[in-house]
Amino acid sequence: MFNDRDNSQDGLKSPQEATDDHQSTSERKSAPASRKSVLFIRRLYIGLIVAGFAAGGVVAWGVVAAMSQWGLTDSSPQIEQNQN
């Protein structure tokens, strides 16, 4: 029923081998596309981090400027407490 000889000699492949070949072919075709996707996501991530730092810096500068204008950054006078 089954021969011990290798089917690849006849050019015939088992269903598992055919599936493996198909997967490796599709992986080879999708590799450049997936690499582009990874690079895009990496650049997007870095861009979002940089934009977040920039926005945080602008907000921090605005808060300090507003506090300075309202006099909230001045040191408060020291009040002596009398001990009885």
N, C-alpha and C. Protein backbone atom coordinates (compact mmCIF):
# COMPACT_ATOMS: atom_id res chain seq x y z
N MET A 1 0.82 -1.17 0.00
CA MET A 1 0.00 0.00 0.00
C MET A 1 0.87 1.25 0.00
N PHE A 2 1.70 1.44 1.03
CA PHE A 2 2.62 2.57 1.07
C PHE A 2 4.02 2.08 0.76
N ASN A 3 4.71 2.82 -0.03
CA ASN A 3 6.09 2.47 -0.34
C ASN A 3 7.01 3.21 0.60
N ASP A 4 8.16 2.63 0.85
CA ASP A 4 9.15 3.27 1.69
C ASP A 4 9.97 4.28 0.92
N ARG A 5 9.80 4.32 -0.38
CA ARG A 5 10.60 5.26 -1.16
C ARG A 5 10.06 6.67 -1.04
N ASP A 6 10.88 7.62 -1.35
CA ASP A 6 10.55 9.04 -1.24
C ASP A 6 9.66 9.47 -2.39
N ASN A 7 8.52 10.07 -2.12
CA ASN A 7 7.59 10.51 -3.16
C ASN A 7 8.12 11.69 -3.94
N SER A 8 9.09 12.43 -3.39
CA SER A 8 9.60 13.60 -4.08
C SER A 8 10.37 13.20 -5.35
N GLN A 9 10.78 11.94 -5.42
CA GLN A 9 11.46 11.49 -6.63
C GLN A 9 10.49 11.45 -7.80
N ASP A 10 9.24 11.15 -7.53
CA ASP A 10 8.23 11.09 -8.59
C ASP A 10 7.64 12.46 -8.88
N GLY A 11 8.00 13.45 -8.12
CA GLY A 11 7.41 14.76 -8.29
C GLY A 11 6.10 14.89 -7.54
N LEU A 12 5.74 13.88 -6.77
CA LEU A 12 4.51 13.93 -6.00
C LEU A 12 4.84 14.35 -4.58
N LYS A 13 3.96 15.13 -4.02
CA LYS A 13 4.18 15.59 -2.65
C LYS A 13 2.98 15.21 -1.81
N SER A 14 3.25 14.98 -0.55
CA SER A 14 2.16 14.70 0.36
C SER A 14 1.36 15.98 0.59
N PRO A 15 0.13 15.87 1.05
CA PRO A 15 -0.65 17.10 1.32
C PRO A 15 0.03 18.03 2.31
N GLN A 16 0.74 17.46 3.29
CA GLN A 16 1.44 18.29 4.26
C GLN A 16 2.57 19.06 3.60
N GLU A 17 3.32 18.39 2.72
CA GLU A 17 4.41 19.07 2.02
C GLU A 17 3.88 20.16 1.11
N ALA A 18 2.76 19.89 0.43
CA ALA A 18 2.16 20.89 -0.44
C ALA A 18 1.70 22.10 0.36
N THR A 19 1.13 21.87 1.54
CA THR A 19 0.70 22.96 2.40
C THR A 19 1.90 23.75 2.90
N ASP A 20 2.98 23.04 3.25
CA ASP A 20 4.20 23.72 3.70
C ASP A 20 4.77 24.59 2.59
N ASP A 21 4.78 24.06 1.35
CA ASP A 21 5.28 24.85 0.23
C ASP A 21 4.42 26.07 0.00
N HIS A 22 3.12 25.91 0.10
CA HIS A 22 2.21 27.05 -0.10
C HIS A 22 2.43 28.10 0.99
N GLN A 23 2.58 27.66 2.22
CA GLN A 23 2.80 28.59 3.31
C GLN A 23 4.12 29.33 3.15
N SER A 24 5.15 28.61 2.77
CA SER A 24 6.45 29.28 2.63
C SER A 24 6.42 30.26 1.47
N THR A 25 5.67 29.95 0.41
CA THR A 25 5.55 30.88 -0.72
C THR A 25 4.77 32.11 -0.29
N SER A 26 3.67 31.92 0.44
CA SER A 26 2.88 33.07 0.88
C SER A 26 3.66 33.89 1.91
N GLU A 27 4.46 33.22 2.74
CA GLU A 27 5.28 33.96 3.70
C GLU A 27 6.33 34.79 2.99
N ARG A 28 6.89 34.25 1.92
CA ARG A 28 7.88 35.01 1.16
C ARG A 28 7.24 36.22 0.50
N LYS A 29 6.01 36.07 0.02
CA LYS A 29 5.32 37.20 -0.62
C LYS A 29 4.89 38.24 0.41
N SER A 30 4.49 37.80 1.59
CA SER A 30 4.01 38.74 2.60
C SER A 30 5.14 39.33 3.43
N ALA A 31 6.32 38.78 3.32
CA ALA A 31 7.44 39.28 4.13
C ALA A 31 7.74 40.75 3.85
N PRO A 32 7.87 41.18 2.59
CA PRO A 32 8.11 42.61 2.37
C PRO A 32 6.95 43.48 2.85
N ALA A 33 5.72 43.01 2.66
CA ALA A 33 4.57 43.79 3.11
C ALA A 33 4.54 43.88 4.63
N SER A 34 4.82 42.78 5.31
CA SER A 34 4.81 42.82 6.77
C SER A 34 5.97 43.66 7.29
N ARG A 35 7.10 43.63 6.59
CA ARG A 35 8.24 44.46 7.00
C ARG A 35 7.90 45.93 6.84
N LYS A 36 7.19 46.28 5.77
CA LYS A 36 6.77 47.66 5.58
C LYS A 36 5.80 48.07 6.68
N SER A 37 4.92 47.17 7.05
CA SER A 37 3.95 47.47 8.11
C SER A 37 4.66 47.69 9.44
N VAL A 38 5.64 46.85 9.73
CA VAL A 38 6.38 46.99 10.98
C VAL A 38 7.12 48.33 10.99
N LEU A 39 7.75 48.68 9.88
CA LEU A 39 8.47 49.96 9.81
C LEU A 39 7.51 51.13 9.96
N PHE A 40 6.33 51.04 9.33
CA PHE A 40 5.34 52.11 9.45
C PHE A 40 4.88 52.26 10.88
N ILE A 41 4.58 51.15 11.54
CA ILE A 41 4.11 51.19 12.92
C ILE A 41 5.21 51.71 13.83
N ARG A 42 6.46 51.33 13.58
CA ARG A 42 7.58 51.81 14.40
C ARG A 42 7.74 53.32 14.24
N ARG A 43 7.67 53.81 12.99
CA ARG A 43 7.79 55.25 12.77
C ARG A 43 6.62 56.01 13.38
N LEU A 44 5.43 55.44 13.27
CA LEU A 44 4.25 56.07 13.87
C LEU A 44 4.41 56.15 15.38
N TYR A 45 4.87 55.09 16.00
CA TYR A 45 5.06 55.04 17.45
C TYR A 45 6.07 56.09 17.90
N ILE A 46 7.19 56.16 17.20
CA ILE A 46 8.22 57.15 17.55
C ILE A 46 7.68 58.56 17.33
N GLY A 47 6.94 58.77 16.25
CA GLY A 47 6.34 60.07 15.99
C GLY A 47 5.36 60.48 17.08
N LEU A 48 4.57 59.54 17.54
CA LEU A 48 3.62 59.84 18.62
C LEU A 48 4.34 60.17 19.92
N ILE A 49 5.42 59.47 20.19
CA ILE A 49 6.19 59.77 21.41
C ILE A 49 6.78 61.17 21.33
N VAL A 50 7.38 61.52 20.18
CA VAL A 50 7.97 62.85 20.01
C VAL A 50 6.89 63.92 20.11
N ALA A 51 5.75 63.69 19.47
CA ALA A 51 4.65 64.66 19.52
C ALA A 51 4.13 64.81 20.96
N GLY A 52 4.09 63.72 21.70
CA GLY A 52 3.66 63.78 23.10
C GLY A 52 4.61 64.58 23.96
N PHE A 53 5.90 64.38 23.75
CA PHE A 53 6.88 65.18 24.50
C PHE A 53 6.77 66.65 24.14
N ALA A 54 6.58 66.95 22.86
CA ALA A 54 6.46 68.35 22.43
C ALA A 54 5.21 68.98 23.03
N ALA A 55 4.08 68.28 22.96
CA ALA A 55 2.84 68.81 23.53
C ALA A 55 2.97 68.97 25.05
N GLY A 56 3.60 68.03 25.71
CA GLY A 56 3.82 68.14 27.16
C GLY A 56 4.69 69.33 27.52
N GLY A 57 5.72 69.58 26.70
CA GLY A 57 6.57 70.74 26.94
C GLY A 57 5.83 72.05 26.79
N VAL A 58 4.97 72.13 25.76
CA VAL A 58 4.19 73.35 25.54
C VAL A 58 3.21 73.56 26.70
N VAL A 59 2.55 72.51 27.13
CA VAL A 59 1.60 72.62 28.25
C VAL A 59 2.34 73.01 29.53
N ALA A 60 3.48 72.39 29.80
CA ALA A 60 4.24 72.73 31.01
C ALA A 60 4.68 74.18 30.98
N TRP A 61 5.17 74.65 29.82
CA TRP A 61 5.58 76.04 29.70
C TRP A 61 4.37 76.97 29.94
N GLY A 62 3.20 76.62 29.41
CA GLY A 62 2.00 77.43 29.62
C GLY A 62 1.58 77.49 31.07
N VAL A 63 1.68 76.36 31.76
CA VAL A 63 1.29 76.33 33.18
C VAL A 63 2.25 77.19 34.00
N VAL A 64 3.54 77.08 33.75
CA VAL A 64 4.51 77.89 34.49
C VAL A 64 4.31 79.37 34.18
N ALA A 65 4.06 79.72 32.92
CA ALA A 65 3.84 81.13 32.56
C ALA A 65 2.59 81.67 33.24
N ALA A 66 1.51 80.89 33.27
CA ALA A 66 0.28 81.33 33.92
C ALA A 66 0.49 81.48 35.43
N MET A 67 1.18 80.53 36.04
CA MET A 67 1.43 80.62 37.48
C MET A 67 2.29 81.84 37.81
N SER A 68 3.26 82.13 36.96
CA SER A 68 4.10 83.31 37.18
C SER A 68 3.29 84.59 37.06
N GLN A 69 2.42 84.64 36.07
CA GLN A 69 1.62 85.84 35.86
C GLN A 69 0.65 86.07 37.01
N TRP A 70 0.13 85.03 37.58
CA TRP A 70 -0.81 85.17 38.69
C TRP A 70 -0.10 85.25 40.04
N GLY A 71 1.21 85.21 40.03
CA GLY A 71 1.95 85.34 41.28
C GLY A 71 1.97 84.09 42.12
N LEU A 72 1.73 82.97 41.53
CA LEU A 72 1.68 81.72 42.29
C LEU A 72 3.06 81.09 42.47
N THR A 73 4.08 81.65 41.82
CA THR A 73 5.42 81.08 41.97
C THR A 73 6.27 81.85 42.97
N ASP A 74 5.73 82.97 43.48
CA ASP A 74 6.45 83.75 44.48
C ASP A 74 6.47 82.98 45.79
N SER A 75 7.53 83.16 46.54
CA SER A 75 7.59 82.49 47.83
C SER A 75 6.64 83.19 48.79
N SER A 76 5.98 82.40 49.59
CA SER A 76 5.03 82.97 50.55
C SER A 76 5.80 83.49 51.77
N PRO A 77 5.28 84.53 52.40
CA PRO A 77 5.96 85.06 53.59
C PRO A 77 5.92 84.04 54.72
N GLN A 78 7.00 83.99 55.46
CA GLN A 78 7.09 83.05 56.56
C GLN A 78 6.39 83.64 57.77
N ILE A 79 5.50 82.87 58.33
CA ILE A 79 4.74 83.33 59.51
C ILE A 79 5.31 82.61 60.73
N GLU A 80 5.67 83.41 61.71
CA GLU A 80 6.19 82.82 62.94
C GLU A 80 5.02 82.37 63.80
N GLN A 81 5.17 81.22 64.34
CA GLN A 81 4.13 80.73 65.25
C GLN A 81 4.64 80.89 66.67
N ASN A 82 3.82 81.51 67.50
CA ASN A 82 4.18 81.69 68.90
C ASN A 82 3.83 80.45 69.68
N GLN A 83 4.75 80.02 70.47
CA GLN A 83 4.49 78.86 71.32
C GLN A 83 4.21 79.37 72.73
N ASN A 84 3.12 78.98 73.29
CA ASN A 84 2.74 79.44 74.64
C ASN A 84 3.30 78.55 75.69
